[in-house]
Amino acid sequence: MCLALDQARSGIARRVALHDLPHSFASHAVMTGETLLTTSRLLGHSRVQMTARYAHLADTALLATAEKIGAMLMTQAGAERRTAEFAA
């Protein structure tokens, strides 16, 4: 069942289905740093796998996370190299 919204009032150019709301909620929650487990509980899912299906991540969020992990690994590698040089 679709919920037809008054376009003039809402400014939404398309019909919004009630089923769209959990997808949007999950995606935005995960993209802002919430874990899948927490998002799963908020949505009332018994399995995290169901939430993973709902959370559609934007490419920018994926790239930002990859960059953050890469920077952490580079920092860790630099610290390990300095420790090895100090020990030698």
PDB file of N, CA and C in Angstrom:
ATOM      1  N   MET A   1       0.843  -1.182   0.000  1.00  0.00           N
ATOM      2  CA  MET A   1       0.000   0.000   0.000  1.00  0.00           C
ATOM      3  C   MET A   1       0.883   1.238   0.000  1.00  0.00           C
ATOM      4  N   CYS A   2       0.627   2.161  -0.906  1.00  0.00           N
ATOM      5  CA  CYS A   2       1.379   3.404  -0.977  1.00  0.00           C
ATOM      6  C   CYS A   2       0.609   4.503  -0.273  1.00  0.00           C
ATOM      7  N   LEU A   3       1.361   5.338   0.381  1.00  0.00           N
ATOM      8  CA  LEU A   3       0.778   6.477   1.065  1.00  0.00           C
ATOM      9  C   LEU A   3       0.998   7.693   0.170  1.00  0.00           C
ATOM     10  N   ALA A   4      -0.055   8.172  -0.434  1.00  0.00           N
ATOM     11  CA  ALA A   4       0.080   9.321  -1.330  1.00  0.00           C
ATOM     12  C   ALA A   4       0.189  10.587  -0.488  1.00  0.00           C
ATOM     13  N   LEU A   5       1.282  11.277  -0.648  1.00  0.00           N
ATOM     14  CA  LEU A   5       1.486  12.514   0.107  1.00  0.00           C
ATOM     15  C   LEU A   5       1.089  13.712  -0.742  1.00  0.00           C
ATOM     16  N   ASP A   6       0.598  14.731  -0.113  1.00  0.00           N
ATOM     17  CA  ASP A   6       0.238  15.953  -0.808  1.00  0.00           C
ATOM     18  C   ASP A   6       1.525  16.631  -1.268  1.00  0.00           C
ATOM     19  N   GLN A   7       1.790  16.627  -2.579  1.00  0.00           N
ATOM     20  CA  GLN A   7       3.044  17.141  -3.117  1.00  0.00           C
ATOM     21  C   GLN A   7       3.234  18.622  -2.817  1.00  0.00           C
ATOM     22  N   ALA A   8       2.213  19.385  -2.867  1.00  0.00           N
ATOM     23  CA  ALA A   8       2.349  20.825  -2.614  1.00  0.00           C
ATOM     24  C   ALA A   8       2.796  21.082  -1.181  1.00  0.00           C
ATOM     25  N   ARG A   9       2.285  20.300  -0.257  1.00  0.00           N
ATOM     26  CA  ARG A   9       2.633  20.473   1.153  1.00  0.00           C
ATOM     27  C   ARG A   9       3.995  19.893   1.490  1.00  0.00           C
ATOM     28  N   SER A  10       4.313  18.735   0.951  1.00  0.00           N
ATOM     29  CA  SER A  10       5.523  18.034   1.355  1.00  0.00           C
ATOM     30  C   SER A  10       6.742  18.378   0.515  1.00  0.00           C
ATOM     31  N   GLY A  11       6.539  18.783  -0.722  1.00  0.00           N
ATOM     32  CA  GLY A  11       7.666  19.038  -1.603  1.00  0.00           C
ATOM     33  C   GLY A  11       8.285  17.760  -2.144  1.00  0.00           C
ATOM     34  N   ILE A  12       7.678  16.617  -1.872  1.00  0.00           N
ATOM     35  CA  ILE A  12       8.176  15.338  -2.370  1.00  0.00           C
ATOM     36  C   ILE A  12       7.557  15.094  -3.736  1.00  0.00           C
ATOM     37  N   ALA A  13       8.421  14.842  -4.713  1.00  0.00           N
ATOM     38  CA  ALA A  13       7.951  14.735  -6.093  1.00  0.00           C
ATOM     39  C   ALA A  13       7.447  13.348  -6.457  1.00  0.00           C
ATOM     40  N   ARG A  14       7.600  12.358  -5.590  1.00  0.00           N
ATOM     41  CA  ARG A  14       7.132  11.016  -5.939  1.00  0.00           C
ATOM     42  C   ARG A  14       6.337  10.445  -4.781  1.00  0.00           C
ATOM     43  N   ARG A  15       5.639   9.381  -5.077  1.00  0.00           N
ATOM     44  CA  ARG A  15       4.881   8.704  -4.021  1.00  0.00           C
ATOM     45  C   ARG A  15       5.855   7.979  -3.108  1.00  0.00           C
ATOM     46  N   VAL A  16       5.544   7.947  -1.856  1.00  0.00           N
ATOM     47  CA  VAL A  16       6.379   7.280  -0.867  1.00  0.00           C
ATOM     48  C   VAL A  16       5.621   6.071  -0.336  1.00  0.00           C
ATOM     49  N   ALA A  17       6.242   4.910  -0.439  1.00  0.00           N
ATOM     50  CA  ALA A  17       5.630   3.704   0.114  1.00  0.00           C
ATOM     51  C   ALA A  17       6.072   3.556   1.560  1.00  0.00           C
ATOM     52  N   LEU A  18       5.206   3.049   2.383  1.00  0.00           N
ATOM     53  CA  LEU A  18       5.571   2.843   3.787  1.00  0.00           C
ATOM     54  C   LEU A  18       6.798   1.939   3.911  1.00  0.00           C
ATOM     55  N   HIS A  19       6.962   1.037   2.951  1.00  0.00           N
ATOM     56  CA  HIS A  19       8.098   0.113   2.967  1.00  0.00           C
ATOM     57  C   HIS A  19       9.430   0.852   2.748  1.00  0.00           C
ATOM     58  N   ASP A  20       9.399   2.060   2.175  1.00  0.00           N
ATOM     59  CA  ASP A  20      10.620   2.842   1.948  1.00  0.00           C
ATOM     60  C   ASP A  20      11.219   3.352   3.255  1.00  0.00           C
ATOM     61  N   LEU A  21      10.404   3.571   4.246  1.00  0.00           N
ATOM     62  CA  LEU A  21      10.867   4.209   5.477  1.00  0.00           C
ATOM     63  C   LEU A  21      11.923   3.405   6.238  1.00  0.00           C
ATOM     64  N   PRO A  22      11.754   2.089   6.463  1.00  0.00           N
ATOM     65  CA  PRO A  22      12.812   1.345   7.153  1.00  0.00           C
ATOM     66  C   PRO A  22      14.121   1.315   6.364  1.00  0.00           C
ATOM     67  N   HIS A  23      14.020   1.285   5.034  1.00  0.00           N
ATOM     68  CA  HIS A  23      15.230   1.303   4.207  1.00  0.00           C
ATOM     69  C   HIS A  23      15.989   2.615   4.416  1.00  0.00           C
ATOM     70  N   SER A  24      15.271   3.715   4.377  1.00  0.00           N
ATOM     71  CA  SER A  24      15.902   5.023   4.576  1.00  0.00           C
ATOM     72  C   SER A  24      16.476   5.138   5.978  1.00  0.00           C
ATOM     73  N   PHE A  25      15.708   4.719   6.978  1.00  0.00           N
ATOM     74  CA  PHE A  25      16.163   4.782   8.364  1.00  0.00           C
ATOM     75  C   PHE A  25      17.458   3.989   8.542  1.00  0.00           C
ATOM     76  N   ALA A  26      17.468   2.753   8.049  1.00  0.00           N
ATOM     77  CA  ALA A  26      18.646   1.894   8.208  1.00  0.00           C
ATOM     78  C   ALA A  26      19.851   2.477   7.482  1.00  0.00           C
ATOM     79  N   SER A  27      19.650   2.936   6.274  1.00  0.00           N
ATOM     80  CA  SER A  27      20.756   3.501   5.496  1.00  0.00           C
ATOM     81  C   SER A  27      21.353   4.713   6.187  1.00  0.00           C
ATOM     82  N   HIS A  28      20.517   5.628   6.619  1.00  0.00           N
ATOM     83  CA  HIS A  28      21.019   6.839   7.273  1.00  0.00           C
ATOM     84  C   HIS A  28      21.658   6.529   8.630  1.00  0.00           C
ATOM     85  N   ALA A  29      21.101   5.605   9.353  1.00  0.00           N
ATOM     86  CA  ALA A  29      21.689   5.238  10.647  1.00  0.00           C
ATOM     87  C   ALA A  29      23.096   4.681  10.467  1.00  0.00           C
ATOM     88  N   VAL A  30      23.257   3.756   9.528  1.00  0.00           N
ATOM     89  CA  VAL A  30      24.568   3.134   9.307  1.00  0.00           C
ATOM     90  C   VAL A  30      25.553   4.143   8.719  1.00  0.00           C
ATOM     91  N   MET A  31      25.105   4.994   7.811  1.00  0.00           N
ATOM     92  CA  MET A  31      26.000   5.983   7.202  1.00  0.00           C
ATOM     93  C   MET A  31      26.467   7.036   8.202  1.00  0.00           C
ATOM     94  N   THR A  32      25.721   7.239   9.286  1.00  0.00           N
ATOM     95  CA  THR A  32      26.146   8.209  10.297  1.00  0.00           C
ATOM     96  C   THR A  32      26.932   7.550  11.421  1.00  0.00           C
ATOM     97  N   GLY A  33      27.274   6.271  11.247  1.00  0.00           N
ATOM     98  CA  GLY A  33      28.167   5.627  12.202  1.00  0.00           C
ATOM     99  C   GLY A  33      27.516   4.641  13.150  1.00  0.00           C
ATOM    100  N   GLU A  34      26.214   4.461  13.053  1.00  0.00           N
ATOM    101  CA  GLU A  34      25.542   3.493  13.924  1.00  0.00           C
ATOM    102  C   GLU A  34      25.880   2.087  13.448  1.00  0.00           C
ATOM    103  N   THR A  35      26.003   1.161  14.365  1.00  0.00           N
ATOM    104  CA  THR A  35      26.327  -0.210  13.986  1.00  0.00           C
ATOM    105  C   THR A  35      25.091  -0.917  13.437  1.00  0.00           C
ATOM    106  N   LEU A  36      25.352  -1.968  12.661  1.00  0.00           N
ATOM    107  CA  LEU A  36      24.237  -2.770  12.156  1.00  0.00           C
ATOM    108  C   LEU A  36      23.458  -3.401  13.298  1.00  0.00           C
ATOM    109  N   LEU A  37      24.162  -3.815  14.347  1.00  0.00           N
ATOM    110  CA  LEU A  37      23.483  -4.446  15.486  1.00  0.00           C
ATOM    111  C   LEU A  37      22.512  -3.467  16.149  1.00  0.00           C
ATOM    112  N   THR A  38      22.973  -2.256  16.415  1.00  0.00           N
ATOM    113  CA  THR A  38      22.101  -1.255  17.045  1.00  0.00           C
ATOM    114  C   THR A  38      20.937  -0.910  16.126  1.00  0.00           C
ATOM    115  N   THR A  39      21.230  -0.705  14.849  1.00  0.00           N
ATOM    116  CA  THR A  39      20.175  -0.387  13.883  1.00  0.00           C
ATOM    117  C   THR A  39      19.175  -1.529  13.797  1.00  0.00           C
ATOM    118  N   SER A  40      19.677  -2.753  13.839  1.00  0.00           N
ATOM    119  CA  SER A  40      18.816  -3.933  13.809  1.00  0.00           C
ATOM    120  C   SER A  40      17.837  -3.927  14.972  1.00  0.00           C
ATOM    121  N   ARG A  41      18.351  -3.621  16.151  1.00  0.00           N
ATOM    122  CA  ARG A  41      17.492  -3.593  17.337  1.00  0.00           C
ATOM    123  C   ARG A  41      16.458  -2.480  17.249  1.00  0.00           C
ATOM    124  N   LEU A  42      16.882  -1.312  16.741  1.00  0.00           N
ATOM    125  CA  LEU A  42      15.950  -0.192  16.605  1.00  0.00           C
ATOM    126  C   LEU A  42      14.820  -0.507  15.629  1.00  0.00           C
ATOM    127  N   LEU A  43      15.129  -1.280  14.584  1.00  0.00           N
ATOM    128  CA  LEU A  43      14.113  -1.657  13.606  1.00  0.00           C
ATOM    129  C   LEU A  43      13.285  -2.861  14.055  1.00  0.00           C
ATOM    130  N   GLY A  44      13.690  -3.497  15.147  1.00  0.00           N
ATOM    131  CA  GLY A  44      12.955  -4.655  15.637  1.00  0.00           C
ATOM    132  C   GLY A  44      13.280  -5.942  14.908  1.00  0.00           C
ATOM    133  N   HIS A  45      14.403  -5.977  14.202  1.00  0.00           N
ATOM    134  CA  HIS A  45      14.800  -7.195  13.496  1.00  0.00           C
ATOM    135  C   HIS A  45      15.421  -8.184  14.466  1.00  0.00           C
ATOM    136  N   SER A  46      15.145  -9.445  14.288  1.00  0.00           N
ATOM    137  CA  SER A  46      15.745 -10.472  15.148  1.00  0.00           C
ATOM    138  C   SER A  46      17.098 -10.910  14.608  1.00  0.00           C
ATOM    139  N   ARG A  47      17.354 -10.618  13.326  1.00  0.00           N
ATOM    140  CA  ARG A  47      18.637 -11.006  12.722  1.00  0.00           C
ATOM    141  C   ARG A  47      19.300  -9.800  12.053  1.00  0.00           C
ATOM    142  N   VAL A  48      20.591  -9.646  12.280  1.00  0.00           N
ATOM    143  CA  VAL A  48      21.340  -8.538  11.695  1.00  0.00           C
ATOM    144  C   VAL A  48      21.360  -8.649  10.166  1.00  0.00           C
ATOM    145  N   GLN A  49      21.279  -9.857   9.644  1.00  0.00           N
ATOM    146  CA  GLN A  49      21.297 -10.059   8.195  1.00  0.00           C
ATOM    147  C   GLN A  49      20.134  -9.329   7.522  1.00  0.00           C
ATOM    148  N   MET A  50      18.993  -9.288   8.188  1.00  0.00           N
ATOM    149  CA  MET A  50      17.839  -8.571   7.630  1.00  0.00           C
ATOM    150  C   MET A  50      18.148  -7.079   7.557  1.00  0.00           C
ATOM    151  N   THR A  51      18.763  -6.542   8.586  1.00  0.00           N
ATOM    152  CA  THR A  51      19.113  -5.121   8.592  1.00  0.00           C
ATOM    153  C   THR A  51      20.125  -4.820   7.503  1.00  0.00           C
ATOM    154  N   ALA A  52      21.070  -5.726   7.271  1.00  0.00           N
ATOM    155  CA  ALA A  52      22.078  -5.525   6.230  1.00  0.00           C
ATOM    156  C   ALA A  52      21.407  -5.385   4.865  1.00  0.00           C
ATOM    157  N   ARG A  53      20.299  -6.071   4.651  1.00  0.00           N
ATOM    158  CA  ARG A  53      19.563  -5.939   3.390  1.00  0.00           C
ATOM    159  C   ARG A  53      18.918  -4.564   3.273  1.00  0.00           C
ATOM    160  N   TYR A  54      18.516  -4.000   4.400  1.00  0.00           N
ATOM    161  CA  TYR A  54      17.837  -2.704   4.401  1.00  0.00           C
ATOM    162  C   TYR A  54      18.815  -1.546   4.269  1.00  0.00           C
ATOM    163  N   ALA A  55      20.031  -1.698   4.771  1.00  0.00           N
ATOM    164  CA  ALA A  55      20.990  -0.589   4.812  1.00  0.00           C
ATOM    165  C   ALA A  55      21.733  -0.476   3.493  1.00  0.00           C
ATOM    166  N   HIS A  56      21.282   0.398   2.644  1.00  0.00           N
ATOM    167  CA  HIS A  56      21.935   0.649   1.362  1.00  0.00           C
ATOM    168  C   HIS A  56      22.891   1.813   1.561  1.00  0.00           C
ATOM    169  N   LEU A  57      24.178   1.543   1.476  1.00  0.00           N
ATOM    170  CA  LEU A  57      25.160   2.577   1.763  1.00  0.00           C
ATOM    171  C   LEU A  57      25.507   3.379   0.517  1.00  0.00           C
ATOM    172  N   ALA A  58      25.650   4.669   0.702  1.00  0.00           N
ATOM    173  CA  ALA A  58      26.076   5.530  -0.389  1.00  0.00           C
ATOM    174  C   ALA A  58      27.571   5.321  -0.628  1.00  0.00           C
ATOM    175  N   ASP A  59      27.997   5.503  -1.876  1.00  0.00           N
ATOM    176  CA  ASP A  59      29.410   5.328  -2.208  1.00  0.00           C
ATOM    177  C   ASP A  59      30.308   6.239  -1.381  1.00  0.00           C
ATOM    178  N   THR A  60      29.846   7.439  -1.083  1.00  0.00           N
ATOM    179  CA  THR A  60      30.667   8.365  -0.299  1.00  0.00           C
ATOM    180  C   THR A  60      30.889   7.837   1.110  1.00  0.00           C
ATOM    181  N   ALA A  61      29.891   7.189   1.682  1.00  0.00           N
ATOM    182  CA  ALA A  61      30.050   6.614   3.026  1.00  0.00           C
ATOM    183  C   ALA A  61      31.033   5.453   2.995  1.00  0.00           C
ATOM    184  N   LEU A  62      30.959   4.625   1.965  1.00  0.00           N
ATOM    185  CA  LEU A  62      31.903   3.515   1.837  1.00  0.00           C
ATOM    186  C   LEU A  62      33.326   4.027   1.662  1.00  0.00           C
ATOM    187  N   LEU A  63      33.507   5.037   0.827  1.00  0.00           N
ATOM    188  CA  LEU A  63      34.829   5.600   0.589  1.00  0.00           C
ATOM    189  C   LEU A  63      35.386   6.227   1.858  1.00  0.00           C
ATOM    190  N   ALA A  64      34.575   6.957   2.577  1.00  0.00           N
ATOM    191  CA  ALA A  64      35.030   7.594   3.819  1.00  0.00           C
ATOM    192  C   ALA A  64      35.483   6.549   4.835  1.00  0.00           C
ATOM    193  N   THR A  65      34.753   5.460   4.943  1.00  0.00           N
ATOM    194  CA  THR A  65      35.125   4.396   5.870  1.00  0.00           C
ATOM    195  C   THR A  65      36.420   3.731   5.438  1.00  0.00           C
ATOM    196  N   ALA A  66      36.560   3.465   4.143  1.00  0.00           N
ATOM    197  CA  ALA A  66      37.797   2.858   3.634  1.00  0.00           C
ATOM    198  C   ALA A  66      38.987   3.769   3.888  1.00  0.00           C
ATOM    199  N   GLU A  67      38.821   5.059   3.702  1.00  0.00           N
ATOM    200  CA  GLU A  67      39.904   6.018   3.952  1.00  0.00           C
ATOM    201  C   GLU A  67      40.274   6.055   5.436  1.00  0.00           C
ATOM    202  N   LYS A  68      39.266   6.008   6.300  1.00  0.00           N
ATOM    203  CA  LYS A  68      39.514   6.042   7.740  1.00  0.00           C
ATOM    204  C   LYS A  68      40.291   4.798   8.182  1.00  0.00           C
ATOM    205  N   ILE A  69      39.901   3.645   7.679  1.00  0.00           N
ATOM    206  CA  ILE A  69      40.594   2.398   8.019  1.00  0.00           C
ATOM    207  C   ILE A  69      42.009   2.408   7.441  1.00  0.00           C
ATOM    208  N   GLY A  70      42.166   2.898   6.218  1.00  0.00           N
ATOM    209  CA  GLY A  70      43.488   2.986   5.608  1.00  0.00           C
ATOM    210  C   GLY A  70      44.418   3.878   6.403  1.00  0.00           C
ATOM    211  N   ALA A  71      43.921   5.019   6.850  1.00  0.00           N
ATOM    212  CA  ALA A  71      44.738   5.938   7.652  1.00  0.00           C
ATOM    213  C   ALA A  71      45.140   5.286   8.970  1.00  0.00           C
ATOM    214  N   MET A  72      44.224   4.563   9.594  1.00  0.00           N
ATOM    215  CA  MET A  72      44.533   3.880  10.851  1.00  0.00           C
ATOM    216  C   MET A  72      45.619   2.832  10.637  1.00  0.00           C
ATOM    217  N   LEU A  73      45.512   2.071   9.542  1.00  0.00           N
ATOM    218  CA  LEU A  73      46.514   1.039   9.261  1.00  0.00           C
ATOM    219  C   LEU A  73      47.873   1.653   8.967  1.00  0.00           C
ATOM    220  N   MET A  74      47.898   2.764   8.242  1.00  0.00           N
ATOM    221  CA  MET A  74      49.162   3.446   7.954  1.00  0.00           C
ATOM    222  C   MET A  74      49.797   3.976   9.234  1.00  0.00           C
ATOM    223  N   THR A  75      49.003   4.521  10.138  1.00  0.00           N
ATOM    224  CA  THR A  75      49.508   5.007  11.420  1.00  0.00           C
ATOM    225  C   THR A  75      50.086   3.859  12.228  1.00  0.00           C
ATOM    226  N   GLN A  76      49.357   2.746  12.262  1.00  0.00           N
ATOM    227  CA  GLN A  76      49.813   1.571  12.999  1.00  0.00           C
ATOM    228  C   GLN A  76      51.101   1.017  12.388  1.00  0.00           C
ATOM    229  N   ALA A  77      51.178   0.963  11.066  1.00  0.00           N
ATOM    230  CA  ALA A  77      52.383   0.456  10.393  1.00  0.00           C
ATOM    231  C   ALA A  77      53.576   1.359  10.687  1.00  0.00           C
ATOM    232  N   GLY A  78      53.356   2.669  10.711  1.00  0.00           N
ATOM    233  CA  GLY A  78      54.434   3.618  11.031  1.00  0.00           C
ATOM    234  C   GLY A  78      54.927   3.440  12.453  1.00  0.00           C
ATOM    235  N   ALA A  79      54.012   3.227  13.382  1.00  0.00           N
ATOM    236  CA  ALA A  79      54.395   3.025  14.789  1.00  0.00           C
ATOM    237  C   ALA A  79      55.181   1.732  14.948  1.00  0.00           C
ATOM    238  N   GLU A  80      54.753   0.684  14.261  1.00  0.00           N
ATOM    239  CA  GLU A  80      55.471  -0.593  14.344  1.00  0.00           C
ATOM    240  C   GLU A  80      56.867  -0.476  13.736  1.00  0.00           C
ATOM    241  N   ARG A  81      56.995   0.298  12.652  1.00  0.00           N
ATOM    242  CA  ARG A  81      58.299   0.486  12.013  1.00  0.00           C
ATOM    243  C   ARG A  81      59.233   1.254  12.943  1.00  0.00           C
ATOM    244  N   ARG A  82      58.705   2.311  13.598  1.00  0.00           N
ATOM    245  CA  ARG A  82      59.537   3.086  14.527  1.00  0.00           C
ATOM    246  C   ARG A  82      59.972   2.236  15.708  1.00  0.00           C
ATOM    247  N   THR A  83      59.071   1.366  16.191  1.00  0.00           N
ATOM    248  CA  THR A  83      59.410   0.474  17.308  1.00  0.00           C
ATOM    249  C   THR A  83      60.508  -0.486  16.889  1.00  0.00           C
ATOM    250  N   ALA A  84      60.427  -1.036  15.679  1.00  0.00           N
ATOM    251  CA  ALA A  84      61.439  -1.962  15.181  1.00  0.00           C
ATOM    252  C   ALA A  84      62.774  -1.268  15.002  1.00  0.00           C
ATOM    253  N   GLU A  85      62.756  -0.019  14.519  1.00  0.00           N
ATOM    254  CA  GLU A  85      63.997   0.726  14.339  1.00  0.00           C
ATOM    255  C   GLU A  85      64.630   1.045  15.674  1.00  0.00           C
ATOM    256  N   PHE A  86      63.839   1.366  16.666  1.00  0.00           N
ATOM    257  CA  PHE A  86      64.331   1.687  18.004  1.00  0.00           C
ATOM    258  C   PHE A  86      64.965   0.454  18.655  1.00  0.00           C
ATOM    259  N   ALA A  87      64.353  -0.703  18.429  1.00  0.00           N
ATOM    260  CA  ALA A  87      64.854  -1.962  19.021  1.00  0.00           C
ATOM    261  C   ALA A  87      66.155  -2.410  18.360  1.00  0.00           C
ATOM    262  N   ALA A  88      66.398  -2.002  17.132  1.00  0.00           N
ATOM    263  CA  ALA A  88      67.602  -2.467  16.396  1.00  0.00           C
ATOM    264  C   ALA A  88      68.839  -1.748  16.790  1.00  0.00           C
TER     265      ALA A  88
END
